[in-house]
Amino acid sequence: MFEVKRHTTIKSKIEKVIAELIQLNIKQSIKLANTLINWKQEIINIIKYKINNGYVEGYNNKIKVIKRVSFGLRNYERFRKLIYLRI
């Protein structure tokens, strides 16, 4: 969406997008503008640092699959060991 390197540039571009969305005066665009306002700092951080939580989400997905496959295990300690073994 943005090709910027400086924090102030990122912030000004997001604020410009927000102003344009509000100026459209359409219910959905105003709702999107409010969402951007609420998440502005997080959006700036994603663009600035280029990191996300995909790594953690991958582990969560693996654990959910293990949980689904091990349906019927009654001993929690065995389930826990199975998670450590497969991850």
C-alpha atoms as a PDB file:
ATOM      1  CA  MET A   1       0.000   0.000   0.000  1.00  0.00           C
ATOM      2  CA  PHE A   2       2.740   2.446   0.992  1.00  0.00           C
ATOM      3  CA  GLU A   3       6.390   2.574  -0.010  1.00  0.00           C
ATOM      4  CA  VAL A   4       7.787   4.825   2.703  1.00  0.00           C
ATOM      5  CA  LYS A   5      10.799   4.838   4.955  1.00  0.00           C
ATOM      6  CA  ARG A   6      10.182   7.545   7.532  1.00  0.00           C
ATOM      7  CA  HIS A   7       7.695   7.386  10.397  1.00  0.00           C
ATOM      8  CA  THR A   8       6.372  10.899   9.718  1.00  0.00           C
ATOM      9  CA  THR A   9       5.754  10.066   6.055  1.00  0.00           C
ATOM     10  CA  ILE A  10       3.818   6.936   6.997  1.00  0.00           C
ATOM     11  CA  LYS A  11       1.725   8.883   9.488  1.00  0.00           C
ATOM     12  CA  SER A  12       0.963  11.705   7.057  1.00  0.00           C
ATOM     13  CA  LYS A  13      -0.042   9.279   4.286  1.00  0.00           C
ATOM     14  CA  ILE A  14      -2.401   7.395   6.609  1.00  0.00           C
ATOM     15  CA  GLU A  15      -3.918  10.685   7.788  1.00  0.00           C
ATOM     16  CA  LYS A  16      -4.393  11.726   4.146  1.00  0.00           C
ATOM     17  CA  VAL A  17      -6.207   8.453   3.384  1.00  0.00           C
ATOM     18  CA  ILE A  18      -8.398   8.944   6.467  1.00  0.00           C
ATOM     19  CA  ALA A  19      -9.266  12.513   5.412  1.00  0.00           C
ATOM     20  CA  GLU A  20     -10.157  11.355   1.892  1.00  0.00           C
ATOM     21  CA  LEU A  21     -12.367   8.570   3.253  1.00  0.00           C
ATOM     22  CA  ILE A  22     -14.222  10.986   5.528  1.00  0.00           C
ATOM     23  CA  GLN A  23     -14.597  13.486   2.679  1.00  0.00           C
ATOM     24  CA  LEU A  24     -16.391  10.846   0.582  1.00  0.00           C
ATOM     25  CA  ASN A  25     -19.186  11.006   3.188  1.00  0.00           C
ATOM     26  CA  ILE A  26     -20.265   7.405   2.581  1.00  0.00           C
ATOM     27  CA  LYS A  27     -21.264   5.322   5.591  1.00  0.00           C
ATOM     28  CA  GLN A  28     -18.828   2.506   4.782  1.00  0.00           C
ATOM     29  CA  SER A  29     -15.915   4.852   4.057  1.00  0.00           C
ATOM     30  CA  ILE A  30     -16.471   6.673   7.352  1.00  0.00           C
ATOM     31  CA  LYS A  31     -16.538   3.327   9.153  1.00  0.00           C
ATOM     32  CA  LEU A  32     -13.241   2.388   7.463  1.00  0.00           C
ATOM     33  CA  ALA A  33     -11.778   5.781   8.409  1.00  0.00           C
ATOM     34  CA  ASN A  34     -12.738   5.201  12.057  1.00  0.00           C
ATOM     35  CA  THR A  35     -11.110   1.769  11.938  1.00  0.00           C
ATOM     36  CA  LEU A  36      -7.939   3.308  10.515  1.00  0.00           C
ATOM     37  CA  ILE A  37      -8.006   5.966  13.239  1.00  0.00           C
ATOM     38  CA  ASN A  38      -8.357   3.312  15.954  1.00  0.00           C
ATOM     39  CA  TRP A  39      -5.552   1.148  14.519  1.00  0.00           C
ATOM     40  CA  LYS A  40      -3.292   3.929  13.189  1.00  0.00           C
ATOM     41  CA  GLN A  41      -0.294   3.249  15.442  1.00  0.00           C
ATOM     42  CA  GLU A  42      -0.446  -0.497  14.801  1.00  0.00           C
ATOM     43  CA  ILE A  43      -0.616   0.082  11.034  1.00  0.00           C
ATOM     44  CA  ILE A  44       2.374   2.430  11.242  1.00  0.00           C
ATOM     45  CA  ASN A  45       4.326  -0.208  13.175  1.00  0.00           C
ATOM     46  CA  ILE A  46       3.535  -2.926  10.618  1.00  0.00           C
ATOM     47  CA  ILE A  47       4.737  -0.743   7.751  1.00  0.00           C
ATOM     48  CA  LYS A  48       7.741   0.587   9.669  1.00  0.00           C
ATOM     49  CA  TYR A  49       9.079  -2.660  11.150  1.00  0.00           C
ATOM     50  CA  LYS A  50       7.743  -5.151   8.575  1.00  0.00           C
ATOM     51  CA  ILE A  51       6.983  -7.801  11.197  1.00  0.00           C
ATOM     52  CA  ASN A  52       3.830  -9.721  12.007  1.00  0.00           C
ATOM     53  CA  ASN A  53       2.605 -12.531  14.208  1.00  0.00           C
ATOM     54  CA  GLY A  54       2.533 -15.171  11.455  1.00  0.00           C
ATOM     55  CA  TYR A  55       5.152 -17.274  13.258  1.00  0.00           C
ATOM     56  CA  VAL A  56       3.056 -17.497  16.430  1.00  0.00           C
ATOM     57  CA  GLU A  57      -0.137 -18.133  14.439  1.00  0.00           C
ATOM     58  CA  GLY A  58       1.627 -21.053  12.747  1.00  0.00           C
ATOM     59  CA  TYR A  59       2.358 -22.631  16.131  1.00  0.00           C
ATOM     60  CA  ASN A  60      -1.229 -22.036  17.267  1.00  0.00           C
ATOM     61  CA  ASN A  61      -2.465 -23.789  14.134  1.00  0.00           C
ATOM     62  CA  LYS A  62      -0.145 -26.778  14.746  1.00  0.00           C
ATOM     63  CA  ILE A  63      -1.420 -27.085  18.321  1.00  0.00           C
ATOM     64  CA  LYS A  64      -5.045 -26.971  17.127  1.00  0.00           C
ATOM     65  CA  VAL A  65      -4.339 -29.738  14.601  1.00  0.00           C
ATOM     66  CA  ILE A  66      -2.677 -31.856  17.305  1.00  0.00           C
ATOM     67  CA  LYS A  67      -5.671 -31.218  19.571  1.00  0.00           C
ATOM     68  CA  ARG A  68      -8.064 -32.333  16.828  1.00  0.00           C
ATOM     69  CA  VAL A  69      -6.039 -35.457  16.032  1.00  0.00           C
ATOM     70  CA  SER A  70      -5.631 -36.441  19.682  1.00  0.00           C
ATOM     71  CA  PHE A  71      -9.353 -36.346  20.443  1.00  0.00           C
ATOM     72  CA  GLY A  72      -9.984 -38.831  23.218  1.00  0.00           C
ATOM     73  CA  LEU A  73      -6.755 -38.418  25.155  1.00  0.00           C
ATOM     74  CA  ARG A  74      -7.818 -38.111  28.750  1.00  0.00           C
ATOM     75  CA  ASN A  75      -4.464 -37.458  30.337  1.00  0.00           C
ATOM     76  CA  TYR A  76      -3.488 -33.807  29.982  1.00  0.00           C
ATOM     77  CA  GLU A  77       0.203 -34.544  30.593  1.00  0.00           C
ATOM     78  CA  ARG A  78       0.253 -36.936  27.625  1.00  0.00           C
ATOM     79  CA  PHE A  79      -1.426 -34.309  25.477  1.00  0.00           C
ATOM     80  CA  ARG A  80       1.135 -31.732  26.580  1.00  0.00           C
ATOM     81  CA  LYS A  81       4.024 -34.086  25.810  1.00  0.00           C
ATOM     82  CA  LEU A  82       2.504 -34.809  22.408  1.00  0.00           C
ATOM     83  CA  ILE A  83       2.467 -31.085  21.638  1.00  0.00           C
ATOM     84  CA  TYR A  84       6.136 -30.728  22.629  1.00  0.00           C
ATOM     85  CA  LEU A  85       7.057 -33.816  20.621  1.00  0.00           C
ATOM     86  CA  ARG A  86       5.350 -32.666  17.417  1.00  0.00           C
ATOM     87  CA  ILE A  87       6.427 -29.042  17.553  1.00  0.00           C
END
